[in-house]
Amino acid sequence: MTPDEFKALRHDLGLSVAQMADALGLGGERAATTLREIENGARTPHGSTVKLAERLRADLAASHAEK
């Protein structure tokens, strides 16, 4: 996923940076900072973070398809 896709997903889910960081399993005191860095392209996310984000995106798409 691109940085813009991470940011768009967070906005589509209606989550704050801290909430999205938690949903992606980014723990620790710097979780929100880490997500901001991913969204700004300053940090490359780990594979597990990308997989969780892709799962969230698929779940969001499925929920929109059901409506």
PDB file of N, CA and C in Angstrom:
ATOM      1  N   MET A   1       0.837  -1.187   0.000  1.00  0.00           N
ATOM      2  CA  MET A   1       0.000   0.000   0.000  1.00  0.00           C
ATOM      3  C   MET A   1       0.875   1.241   0.000  1.00  0.00           C
ATOM      4  N   THR A   2       0.401   2.239  -0.675  1.00  0.00           N
ATOM      5  CA  THR A   2       1.131   3.506  -0.715  1.00  0.00           C
ATOM      6  C   THR A   2       0.801   4.338   0.529  1.00  0.00           C
ATOM      7  N   PRO A   3       1.617   5.336   0.824  1.00  0.00           N
ATOM      8  CA  PRO A   3       1.289   6.222   1.940  1.00  0.00           C
ATOM      9  C   PRO A   3      -0.098   6.847   1.801  1.00  0.00           C
ATOM     10  N   ASP A   4      -0.447   7.273   0.589  1.00  0.00           N
ATOM     11  CA  ASP A   4      -1.768   7.878   0.370  1.00  0.00           C
ATOM     12  C   ASP A   4      -2.890   6.879   0.623  1.00  0.00           C
ATOM     13  N   GLU A   5      -2.659   5.611   0.293  1.00  0.00           N
ATOM     14  CA  GLU A   5      -3.673   4.585   0.538  1.00  0.00           C
ATOM     15  C   GLU A   5      -3.875   4.345   2.034  1.00  0.00           C
ATOM     16  N   PHE A   6      -2.783   4.389   2.798  1.00  0.00           N
ATOM     17  CA  PHE A   6      -2.910   4.263   4.253  1.00  0.00           C
ATOM     18  C   PHE A   6      -3.763   5.406   4.806  1.00  0.00           C
ATOM     19  N   LYS A   7      -3.459   6.619   4.365  1.00  0.00           N
ATOM     20  CA  LYS A   7      -4.193   7.791   4.861  1.00  0.00           C
ATOM     21  C   LYS A   7      -5.656   7.740   4.435  1.00  0.00           C
ATOM     22  N   ALA A   8      -5.908   7.384   3.181  1.00  0.00           N
ATOM     23  CA  ALA A   8      -7.280   7.302   2.683  1.00  0.00           C
ATOM     24  C   ALA A   8      -8.076   6.246   3.443  1.00  0.00           C
ATOM     25  N   LEU A   9      -7.461   5.113   3.730  1.00  0.00           N
ATOM     26  CA  LEU A   9      -8.144   4.064   4.473  1.00  0.00           C
ATOM     27  C   LEU A   9      -8.532   4.559   5.857  1.00  0.00           C
ATOM     28  N   ARG A  10      -7.611   5.242   6.517  1.00  0.00           N
ATOM     29  CA  ARG A  10      -7.903   5.769   7.854  1.00  0.00           C
ATOM     30  C   ARG A  10      -9.075   6.736   7.802  1.00  0.00           C
ATOM     31  N   HIS A  11      -9.074   7.608   6.814  1.00  0.00           N
ATOM     32  CA  HIS A  11     -10.180   8.563   6.675  1.00  0.00           C
ATOM     33  C   HIS A  11     -11.495   7.851   6.356  1.00  0.00           C
ATOM     34  N   ASP A  12     -11.424   6.854   5.465  1.00  0.00           N
ATOM     35  CA  ASP A  12     -12.631   6.103   5.102  1.00  0.00           C
ATOM     36  C   ASP A  12     -13.226   5.371   6.303  1.00  0.00           C
ATOM     37  N   LEU A  13     -12.360   4.916   7.203  1.00  0.00           N
ATOM     38  CA  LEU A  13     -12.818   4.227   8.404  1.00  0.00           C
ATOM     39  C   LEU A  13     -13.271   5.205   9.487  1.00  0.00           C
ATOM     40  N   GLY A  14     -12.951   6.478   9.312  1.00  0.00           N
ATOM     41  CA  GLY A  14     -13.334   7.485  10.297  1.00  0.00           C
ATOM     42  C   GLY A  14     -12.536   7.385  11.586  1.00  0.00           C
ATOM     43  N   LEU A  15     -11.277   6.974  11.461  1.00  0.00           N
ATOM     44  CA  LEU A  15     -10.434   6.783  12.648  1.00  0.00           C
ATOM     45  C   LEU A  15      -9.406   7.896  12.780  1.00  0.00           C
ATOM     46  N   SER A  16      -9.066   8.200  14.017  1.00  0.00           N
ATOM     47  CA  SER A  16      -7.967   9.123  14.283  1.00  0.00           C
ATOM     48  C   SER A  16      -6.658   8.377  14.011  1.00  0.00           C
ATOM     49  N   VAL A  17      -5.566   9.107  14.001  1.00  0.00           N
ATOM     50  CA  VAL A  17      -4.256   8.484  13.804  1.00  0.00           C
ATOM     51  C   VAL A  17      -4.011   7.459  14.918  1.00  0.00           C
ATOM     52  N   ALA A  18      -4.307   7.823  16.154  1.00  0.00           N
ATOM     53  CA  ALA A  18      -4.075   6.913  17.276  1.00  0.00           C
ATOM     54  C   ALA A  18      -4.949   5.659  17.168  1.00  0.00           C
ATOM     55  N   GLN A  19      -6.200   5.823  16.768  1.00  0.00           N
ATOM     56  CA  GLN A  19      -7.099   4.675  16.633  1.00  0.00           C
ATOM     57  C   GLN A  19      -6.639   3.743  15.517  1.00  0.00           C
ATOM     58  N   MET A  20      -6.207   4.314  14.401  1.00  0.00           N
ATOM     59  CA  MET A  20      -5.745   3.491  13.287  1.00  0.00           C
ATOM     60  C   MET A  20      -4.447   2.780  13.659  1.00  0.00           C
ATOM     61  N   ALA A  21      -3.567   3.474  14.352  1.00  0.00           N
ATOM     62  CA  ALA A  21      -2.318   2.843  14.793  1.00  0.00           C
ATOM     63  C   ALA A  21      -2.632   1.645  15.677  1.00  0.00           C
ATOM     64  N   ASP A  22      -3.607   1.786  16.551  1.00  0.00           N
ATOM     65  CA  ASP A  22      -4.010   0.681  17.420  1.00  0.00           C
ATOM     66  C   ASP A  22      -4.597  -0.460  16.592  1.00  0.00           C
ATOM     67  N   ALA A  23      -5.443  -0.139  15.619  1.00  0.00           N
ATOM     68  CA  ALA A  23      -6.062  -1.164  14.771  1.00  0.00           C
ATOM     69  C   ALA A  23      -5.021  -1.932  13.968  1.00  0.00           C
ATOM     70  N   LEU A  24      -3.920  -1.272  13.642  1.00  0.00           N
ATOM     71  CA  LEU A  24      -2.855  -1.912  12.879  1.00  0.00           C
ATOM     72  C   LEU A  24      -1.828  -2.607  13.773  1.00  0.00           C
ATOM     73  N   GLY A  25      -2.045  -2.541  15.080  1.00  0.00           N
ATOM     74  CA  GLY A  25      -1.136  -3.210  16.002  1.00  0.00           C
ATOM     75  C   GLY A  25       0.182  -2.485  16.207  1.00  0.00           C
ATOM     76  N   LEU A  26       0.202  -1.190  15.907  1.00  0.00           N
ATOM     77  CA  LEU A  26       1.407  -0.400  16.137  1.00  0.00           C
ATOM     78  C   LEU A  26       1.424   0.009  17.595  1.00  0.00           C
ATOM     79  N   GLY A  27       2.168  -0.699  18.380  1.00  0.00           N
ATOM     80  CA  GLY A  27       2.161  -0.442  19.813  1.00  0.00           C
ATOM     81  C   GLY A  27       3.235   0.539  20.233  1.00  0.00           C
ATOM     82  N   GLY A  28       3.214   0.837  21.482  1.00  0.00           N
ATOM     83  CA  GLY A  28       4.232   1.701  22.052  1.00  0.00           C
ATOM     84  C   GLY A  28       3.847   3.160  22.065  1.00  0.00           C
ATOM     85  N   GLU A  29       4.686   3.938  22.701  1.00  0.00           N
ATOM     86  CA  GLU A  29       4.427   5.362  22.871  1.00  0.00           C
ATOM     87  C   GLU A  29       4.455   6.126  21.548  1.00  0.00           C
ATOM     88  N   ARG A  30       5.170   5.600  20.574  1.00  0.00           N
ATOM     89  CA  ARG A  30       5.332   6.306  19.306  1.00  0.00           C
ATOM     90  C   ARG A  30       4.414   5.776  18.204  1.00  0.00           C
ATOM     91  N   ALA A  31       3.376   5.022  18.557  1.00  0.00           N
ATOM     92  CA  ALA A  31       2.521   4.389  17.553  1.00  0.00           C
ATOM     93  C   ALA A  31       1.914   5.408  16.593  1.00  0.00           C
ATOM     94  N   ALA A  32       1.352   6.479  17.120  1.00  0.00           N
ATOM     95  CA  ALA A  32       0.733   7.495  16.268  1.00  0.00           C
ATOM     96  C   ALA A  32       1.785   8.166  15.385  1.00  0.00           C
ATOM     97  N   THR A  33       2.957   8.424  15.943  1.00  0.00           N
ATOM     98  CA  THR A  33       4.042   9.021  15.157  1.00  0.00           C
ATOM     99  C   THR A  33       4.461   8.088  14.040  1.00  0.00           C
ATOM    100  N   THR A  34       4.549   6.800  14.352  1.00  0.00           N
ATOM    101  CA  THR A  34       4.913   5.813  13.336  1.00  0.00           C
ATOM    102  C   THR A  34       3.911   5.825  12.190  1.00  0.00           C
ATOM    103  N   LEU A  35       2.617   5.849  12.509  1.00  0.00           N
ATOM    104  CA  LEU A  35       1.611   5.871  11.451  1.00  0.00           C
ATOM    105  C   LEU A  35       1.693   7.159  10.645  1.00  0.00           C
ATOM    106  N   ARG A  36       1.900   8.278  11.293  1.00  0.00           N
ATOM    107  CA  ARG A  36       2.057   9.539  10.549  1.00  0.00           C
ATOM    108  C   ARG A  36       3.233   9.448   9.577  1.00  0.00           C
ATOM    109  N   GLU A  37       4.320   8.847  10.037  1.00  0.00           N
ATOM    110  CA  GLU A  37       5.494   8.693   9.176  1.00  0.00           C
ATOM    111  C   GLU A  37       5.192   7.776   7.992  1.00  0.00           C
ATOM    112  N   ILE A  38       4.401   6.722   8.220  1.00  0.00           N
ATOM    113  CA  ILE A  38       3.993   5.842   7.116  1.00  0.00           C
ATOM    114  C   ILE A  38       3.137   6.617   6.131  1.00  0.00           C
ATOM    115  N   GLU A  39       2.166   7.369   6.651  1.00  0.00           N
ATOM    116  CA  GLU A  39       1.268   8.141   5.785  1.00  0.00           C
ATOM    117  C   GLU A  39       2.000   9.227   5.002  1.00  0.00           C
ATOM    118  N   ASN A  40       3.093   9.724   5.540  1.00  0.00           N
ATOM    119  CA  ASN A  40       3.864  10.774   4.870  1.00  0.00           C
ATOM    120  C   ASN A  40       4.993  10.225   4.002  1.00  0.00           C
ATOM    121  N   GLY A  41       5.145   8.893   3.974  1.00  0.00           N
ATOM    122  CA  GLY A  41       6.183   8.278   3.164  1.00  0.00           C
ATOM    123  C   GLY A  41       7.564   8.303   3.769  1.00  0.00           C
ATOM    124  N   ALA A  42       7.673   8.711   5.037  1.00  0.00           N
ATOM    125  CA  ALA A  42       8.972   8.786   5.696  1.00  0.00           C
ATOM    126  C   ALA A  42       9.398   7.438   6.282  1.00  0.00           C
ATOM    127  N   ARG A  43       8.469   6.490   6.365  1.00  0.00           N
ATOM    128  CA  ARG A  43       8.759   5.173   6.929  1.00  0.00           C
ATOM    129  C   ARG A  43       8.047   4.123   6.085  1.00  0.00           C
ATOM    130  N   THR A  44       8.731   3.016   5.886  1.00  0.00           N
ATOM    131  CA  THR A  44       8.141   1.890   5.169  1.00  0.00           C
ATOM    132  C   THR A  44       7.529   0.944   6.196  1.00  0.00           C
ATOM    133  N   PRO A  45       6.239   0.611   6.028  1.00  0.00           N
ATOM    134  CA  PRO A  45       5.602  -0.276   7.003  1.00  0.00           C
ATOM    135  C   PRO A  45       6.086  -1.716   6.873  1.00  0.00           C
ATOM    136  N   HIS A  46       6.057  -2.429   7.988  1.00  0.00           N
ATOM    137  CA  HIS A  46       6.377  -3.855   7.984  1.00  0.00           C
ATOM    138  C   HIS A  46       5.300  -4.602   7.210  1.00  0.00           C
ATOM    139  N   GLY A  47       5.633  -5.775   6.734  1.00  0.00           N
ATOM    140  CA  GLY A  47       4.693  -6.590   5.983  1.00  0.00           C
ATOM    141  C   GLY A  47       3.420  -6.897   6.742  1.00  0.00           C
ATOM    142  N   SER A  48       3.549  -7.140   8.048  1.00  0.00           N
ATOM    143  CA  SER A  48       2.359  -7.452   8.844  1.00  0.00           C
ATOM    144  C   SER A  48       1.423  -6.253   8.948  1.00  0.00           C
ATOM    145  N   THR A  49       1.973  -5.059   8.990  1.00  0.00           N
ATOM    146  CA  THR A  49       1.155  -3.843   9.037  1.00  0.00           C
ATOM    147  C   THR A  49       0.404  -3.672   7.721  1.00  0.00           C
ATOM    148  N   VAL A  50       1.079  -3.939   6.621  1.00  0.00           N
ATOM    149  CA  VAL A  50       0.443  -3.837   5.313  1.00  0.00           C
ATOM    150  C   VAL A  50      -0.678  -4.866   5.193  1.00  0.00           C
ATOM    151  N   LYS A  51      -0.428  -6.086   5.658  1.00  0.00           N
ATOM    152  CA  LYS A  51      -1.457  -7.133   5.578  1.00  0.00           C
ATOM    153  C   LYS A  51      -2.692  -6.767   6.394  1.00  0.00           C
ATOM    154  N   LEU A  52      -2.484  -6.223   7.593  1.00  0.00           N
ATOM    155  CA  LEU A  52      -3.623  -5.797   8.406  1.00  0.00           C
ATOM    156  C   LEU A  52      -4.390  -4.664   7.729  1.00  0.00           C
ATOM    157  N   ALA A  53      -3.672  -3.719   7.147  1.00  0.00           N
ATOM    158  CA  ALA A  53      -4.326  -2.606   6.456  1.00  0.00           C
ATOM    159  C   ALA A  53      -5.124  -3.117   5.258  1.00  0.00           C
ATOM    160  N   GLU A  54      -4.550  -4.057   4.521  1.00  0.00           N
ATOM    161  CA  GLU A  54      -5.268  -4.617   3.373  1.00  0.00           C
ATOM    162  C   GLU A  54      -6.516  -5.364   3.829  1.00  0.00           C
ATOM    163  N   ARG A  55      -6.438  -6.030   4.962  1.00  0.00           N
ATOM    164  CA  ARG A  55      -7.605  -6.727   5.508  1.00  0.00           C
ATOM    165  C   ARG A  55      -8.694  -5.726   5.912  1.00  0.00           C
ATOM    166  N   LEU A  56      -8.289  -4.646   6.556  1.00  0.00           N
ATOM    167  CA  LEU A  56      -9.248  -3.601   6.923  1.00  0.00           C
ATOM    168  C   LEU A  56      -9.908  -3.012   5.676  1.00  0.00           C
ATOM    169  N   ARG A  57      -9.113  -2.806   4.630  1.00  0.00           N
ATOM    170  CA  ARG A  57      -9.638  -2.250   3.382  1.00  0.00           C
ATOM    171  C   ARG A  57     -10.634  -3.221   2.744  1.00  0.00           C
ATOM    172  N   ALA A  58     -10.313  -4.517   2.758  1.00  0.00           N
ATOM    173  CA  ALA A  58     -11.216  -5.523   2.198  1.00  0.00           C
ATOM    174  C   ALA A  58     -12.512  -5.599   2.999  1.00  0.00           C
ATOM    175  N   ASP A  59     -12.402  -5.539   4.319  1.00  0.00           N
ATOM    176  CA  ASP A  59     -13.598  -5.561   5.168  1.00  0.00           C
ATOM    177  C   ASP A  59     -14.473  -4.335   4.917  1.00  0.00           C
ATOM    178  N   LEU A  60     -13.838  -3.185   4.742  1.00  0.00           N
ATOM    179  CA  LEU A  60     -14.585  -1.958   4.462  1.00  0.00           C
ATOM    180  C   LEU A  60     -15.307  -2.073   3.121  1.00  0.00           C
ATOM    181  N   ALA A  61     -14.615  -2.595   2.110  1.00  0.00           N
ATOM    182  CA  ALA A  61     -15.228  -2.753   0.799  1.00  0.00           C
ATOM    183  C   ALA A  61     -16.403  -3.729   0.866  1.00  0.00           C
ATOM    184  N   ALA A  62     -16.248  -4.794   1.621  1.00  0.00           N
ATOM    185  CA  ALA A  62     -17.314  -5.786   1.756  1.00  0.00           C
ATOM    186  C   ALA A  62     -18.522  -5.181   2.450  1.00  0.00           C
ATOM    187  N   SER A  63     -18.285  -4.360   3.464  1.00  0.00           N
ATOM    188  CA  SER A  63     -19.405  -3.756   4.179  1.00  0.00           C
ATOM    189  C   SER A  63     -20.150  -2.754   3.292  1.00  0.00           C
ATOM    190  N   HIS A  64     -19.420  -2.075   2.409  1.00  0.00           N
ATOM    191  CA  HIS A  64     -20.061  -1.147   1.470  1.00  0.00           C
ATOM    192  C   HIS A  64     -20.842  -1.908   0.404  1.00  0.00           C
ATOM    193  N   ALA A  65     -20.359  -3.080   0.025  1.00  0.00           N
ATOM    194  CA  ALA A  65     -21.030  -3.884  -0.994  1.00  0.00           C
ATOM    195  C   ALA A  65     -22.346  -4.451  -0.480  1.00  0.00           C
ATOM    196  N   GLU A  66     -22.416  -4.671   0.838  1.00  0.00           N
ATOM    197  CA  GLU A  66     -23.627  -5.230   1.440  1.00  0.00           C
ATOM    198  C   GLU A  66     -24.751  -4.212   1.517  1.00  0.00           C
ATOM    199  N   LYS A  67     -24.416  -2.942   1.448  1.00  0.00           N
ATOM    200  CA  LYS A  67     -25.425  -1.881   1.601  1.00  0.00           C
ATOM    201  C   LYS A  67     -26.146  -1.589   0.327  1.00  0.00           C
TER     202      LYS A  67
END
